[in-house]
C-alpha atoms as a PDB file:
ATOM      1  CA  MET A   1     -21.999   4.252 -71.669  1.00  0.00           C
ATOM      2  CA  ARG A   2     -19.767   2.250 -69.405  1.00  0.00           C
ATOM      3  CA  LEU A   3     -18.590  -1.311 -68.990  1.00  0.00           C
ATOM      4  CA  ASP A   4     -19.726  -2.921 -65.756  1.00  0.00           C
ATOM      5  CA  TYR A   5     -19.898  -6.335 -64.115  1.00  0.00           C
ATOM      6  CA  ASP A   6     -22.937  -7.890 -62.461  1.00  0.00           C
ATOM      7  CA  GLU A   7     -21.556 -10.025 -59.638  1.00  0.00           C
ATOM      8  CA  ALA A   8     -24.852 -11.749 -58.862  1.00  0.00           C
ATOM      9  CA  SER A   9     -25.259 -12.940 -62.466  1.00  0.00           C
ATOM     10  CA  GLU A  10     -21.507 -13.154 -63.139  1.00  0.00           C
ATOM     11  CA  TRP A  11     -21.584 -11.367 -66.493  1.00  0.00           C
ATOM     12  CA  ASP A  12     -20.147  -8.282 -68.125  1.00  0.00           C
ATOM     13  CA  MET A  13     -22.565  -5.649 -69.343  1.00  0.00           C
ATOM     14  CA  LEU A  14     -22.732  -2.288 -71.053  1.00  0.00           C
ATOM     15  CA  VAL A  15     -24.738   0.302 -69.132  1.00  0.00           C
ATOM     16  CA  MET A  16     -26.277   3.117 -71.132  1.00  0.00           C
ATOM     17  CA  GLU A  17     -28.102   6.261 -70.073  1.00  0.00           C
ATOM     18  CA  ARG A  18     -31.575   7.303 -71.232  1.00  0.00           C
ATOM     19  CA  LEU A  19     -31.113   9.808 -74.043  1.00  0.00           C
ATOM     20  CA  TYR A  20     -33.194  12.771 -75.131  1.00  0.00           C
ATOM     21  CA  PRO A  21     -31.882  13.720 -78.586  1.00  0.00           C
ATOM     22  CA  GLN A  22     -31.522  17.287 -79.776  1.00  0.00           C
ATOM     23  CA  ASP A  23     -31.163  18.792 -83.251  1.00  0.00           C
ATOM     24  CA  PHE A  24     -27.560  19.852 -83.749  1.00  0.00           C
ATOM     25  CA  CYS A  25     -28.245  22.002 -86.810  1.00  0.00           C
ATOM     26  CA  SER A  26     -29.232  24.933 -84.579  1.00  0.00           C
ATOM     27  CA  ILE A  27     -26.003  24.837 -82.546  1.00  0.00           C
ATOM     28  CA  GLU A  28     -23.180  27.237 -83.398  1.00  0.00           C
ATOM     29  CA  ILE A  29     -20.146  25.787 -85.173  1.00  0.00           C
ATOM     30  CA  SER A  30     -17.787  26.694 -82.301  1.00  0.00           C
ATOM     31  CA  LYS A  31     -19.911  24.697 -79.842  1.00  0.00           C
ATOM     32  CA  ARG A  32     -20.153  21.787 -82.303  1.00  0.00           C
ATOM     33  CA  GLU A  33     -16.352  21.769 -82.588  1.00  0.00           C
ATOM     34  CA  LEU A  34     -16.060  21.545 -78.816  1.00  0.00           C
ATOM     35  CA  LEU A  35     -18.667  18.771 -78.608  1.00  0.00           C
ATOM     36  CA  LEU A  36     -16.840  16.856 -81.329  1.00  0.00           C
ATOM     37  CA  ASP A  37     -13.477  17.207 -79.547  1.00  0.00           C
ATOM     38  CA  VAL A  38     -14.952  15.774 -76.342  1.00  0.00           C
ATOM     39  CA  PHE A  39     -16.631  12.942 -78.276  1.00  0.00           C
ATOM     40  CA  GLU A  40     -13.373  12.061 -80.035  1.00  0.00           C
ATOM     41  CA  ASP A  41     -11.557  11.999 -76.678  1.00  0.00           C
ATOM     42  CA  GLU A  42     -14.212   9.688 -75.213  1.00  0.00           C
ATOM     43  CA  LEU A  43     -14.037   7.380 -78.229  1.00  0.00           C
ATOM     44  CA  THR A  44     -10.240   7.280 -77.928  1.00  0.00           C
ATOM     45  CA  GLU A  45     -10.637   6.140 -74.317  1.00  0.00           C
ATOM     46  CA  LEU A  46     -12.956   3.336 -75.433  1.00  0.00           C
ATOM     47  CA  HIS A  47     -10.386   2.284 -78.036  1.00  0.00           C
ATOM     48  CA  LYS A  48      -7.641   2.268 -75.386  1.00  0.00           C
ATOM     49  CA  ALA A  49      -9.879  -0.046 -73.348  1.00  0.00           C
ATOM     50  CA  ASP A  50      -9.872  -2.389 -76.382  1.00  0.00           C
ATOM     51  CA  PHE A  51     -13.493  -1.629 -77.336  1.00  0.00           C
ATOM     52  CA  VAL A  52     -14.626  -0.750 -80.855  1.00  0.00           C
ATOM     53  CA  HIS A  53     -18.203   0.217 -81.758  1.00  0.00           C
ATOM     54  CA  ARG A  54     -17.966  -0.949 -85.402  1.00  0.00           C
ATOM     55  CA  TYR A  55     -20.756   1.176 -86.910  1.00  0.00           C
ATOM     56  CA  ILE A  56     -20.417   4.896 -86.375  1.00  0.00           C
ATOM     57  CA  ARG A  57     -21.858   5.200 -89.885  1.00  0.00           C
ATOM     58  CA  ARG A  58     -24.975   3.142 -90.546  1.00  0.00           C
ATOM     59  CA  PRO A  59     -24.462   0.529 -93.287  1.00  0.00           C
ATOM     60  CA  SER A  60     -25.936   1.680 -96.597  1.00  0.00           C
ATOM     61  CA  ASP A  61     -28.252  -1.327 -96.804  1.00  0.00           C
ATOM     62  CA  GLN A  62     -30.056  -0.339 -93.584  1.00  0.00           C
ATOM     63  CA  SER A  63     -32.753   2.295 -93.328  1.00  0.00           C
ATOM     64  CA  GLY A  64     -32.213   5.410 -91.270  1.00  0.00           C
ATOM     65  CA  GLU A  65     -29.985   8.436 -91.255  1.00  0.00           C
ATOM     66  CA  LYS A  66     -26.322   7.988 -92.168  1.00  0.00           C
ATOM     67  CA  TYR A  67     -25.028   8.835 -88.674  1.00  0.00           C
ATOM     68  CA  ASP A  68     -27.998   8.073 -86.444  1.00  0.00           C
ATOM     69  CA  ASN A  69     -25.788   5.948 -84.173  1.00  0.00           C
ATOM     70  CA  ILE A  70     -24.458   9.247 -82.816  1.00  0.00           C
ATOM     71  CA  MET A  71     -26.957  11.394 -80.943  1.00  0.00           C
ATOM     72  CA  LEU A  72     -26.653  14.896 -79.587  1.00  0.00           C
ATOM     73  CA  THR A  73     -28.008  15.223 -76.045  1.00  0.00           C
ATOM     74  CA  GLU A  74     -27.834  17.929 -73.411  1.00  0.00           C
ATOM     75  CA  LYS A  75     -24.671  16.179 -72.153  1.00  0.00           C
ATOM     76  CA  GLY A  76     -22.981  16.094 -75.580  1.00  0.00           C
ATOM     77  CA  LEU A  77     -22.585  13.567 -78.377  1.00  0.00           C
ATOM     78  CA  ARG A  78     -23.455  10.002 -77.440  1.00  0.00           C
ATOM     79  CA  LEU A  79     -22.740   6.765 -79.294  1.00  0.00           C
ATOM     80  CA  ILE A  80     -25.675   4.344 -79.348  1.00  0.00           C
ATOM     81  CA  ASP A  81     -26.502   0.884 -80.737  1.00  0.00           C
ATOM     82  CA  VAL A  82     -23.582  -1.172 -79.510  1.00  0.00           C
ATOM     83  CA  GLY A  83     -25.130  -4.460 -80.621  1.00  0.00           C
ATOM     84  CA  ILE A  84     -22.265  -5.488 -82.903  1.00  0.00           C
ATOM     85  CA  SER A  85     -19.430  -3.838 -81.010  1.00  0.00           C
ATOM     86  CA  ALA A  86     -16.282  -5.839 -80.326  1.00  0.00           C
ATOM     87  CA  LEU A  87     -13.674  -6.291 -77.643  1.00  0.00           C
ATOM     88  CA  LYS A  88     -10.116  -7.060 -78.689  1.00  0.00           C
ATOM     89  CA  THR A  89     -10.057 -10.107 -76.393  1.00  0.00           C
ATOM     90  CA  GLN A  90     -13.028 -11.559 -78.293  1.00  0.00           C
ATOM     91  CA  VAL A  91     -11.975 -10.904 -81.893  1.00  0.00           C
ATOM     92  CA  GLY A  92      -8.177 -10.886 -81.708  1.00  0.00           C
ATOM     93  CA  GLU A  93      -5.677  -8.153 -82.424  1.00  0.00           C
ATOM     94  CA  LYS A  94      -5.690  -8.347 -86.241  1.00  0.00           C
ATOM     95  CA  LEU A  95      -9.468  -8.127 -86.652  1.00  0.00           C
ATOM     96  CA  PHE A  96      -9.717  -5.496 -83.917  1.00  0.00           C
ATOM     97  CA  GLY A  97      -7.135  -3.421 -85.797  1.00  0.00           C
ATOM     98  CA  LYS A  98      -9.225  -3.612 -88.986  1.00  0.00           C
ATOM     99  CA  TYR A  99     -12.378  -2.616 -87.113  1.00  0.00           C
ATOM    100  CA  LEU A 100     -10.529   0.281 -85.524  1.00  0.00           C
ATOM    101  CA  GLU A 101      -9.187   1.449 -88.899  1.00  0.00           C
ATOM    102  CA  VAL A 102     -12.706   1.527 -90.364  1.00  0.00           C
ATOM    103  CA  GLU A 103     -14.088   3.256 -87.268  1.00  0.00           C
ATOM    104  CA  LEU A 104     -11.488   6.031 -87.412  1.00  0.00           C
ATOM    105  CA  ALA A 105     -12.268   6.616 -91.106  1.00  0.00           C
ATOM    106  CA  GLU A 106     -15.980   6.814 -90.263  1.00  0.00           C
ATOM    107  CA  LEU A 107     -15.180   9.282 -87.475  1.00  0.00           C
ATOM    108  CA  ASP A 108     -13.376  11.520 -89.985  1.00  0.00           C
ATOM    109  CA  GLU A 109     -16.426  11.386 -92.269  1.00  0.00           C
ATOM    110  CA  PHE A 110     -18.725  12.184 -89.342  1.00  0.00           C
ATOM    111  CA  GLU A 111     -16.626  15.228 -88.454  1.00  0.00           C
ATOM    112  CA  THR A 112     -17.172  16.679 -91.927  1.00  0.00           C
ATOM    113  CA  TYR A 113     -20.872  15.863 -91.789  1.00  0.00           C
ATOM    114  CA  PHE A 114     -21.385  17.236 -88.268  1.00  0.00           C
ATOM    115  CA  LEU A 115     -19.523  20.497 -88.820  1.00  0.00           C
ATOM    116  CA  SER A 116     -20.921  21.285 -92.275  1.00  0.00           C
ATOM    117  CA  ARG A 117     -24.647  21.059 -91.571  1.00  0.00           C
END
């Protein structure tokens, strides 16, 4: 995923790749640890760019798997469903900080989930 700008339309946009999910349960723990490290680094870069996803963990009142906003692909872990994401310039520093705090807690929970399956 990347942020881009369409000059002809004069709007910002998120560009995402087509994903082909894989089952991570069959991958060795050492490889999962490496994939998770890379994912955490990428998420940190998004945070530094003042972007927060807001739902690494699916809300409990929605159907689906707990962490199905994170998919494993042949290129690594990918974050999907950015529909309610936020930019600091749009929500302000205080609210962005709260969103970031929740996201980092969800990331810690995902780490346990991802490495223990």
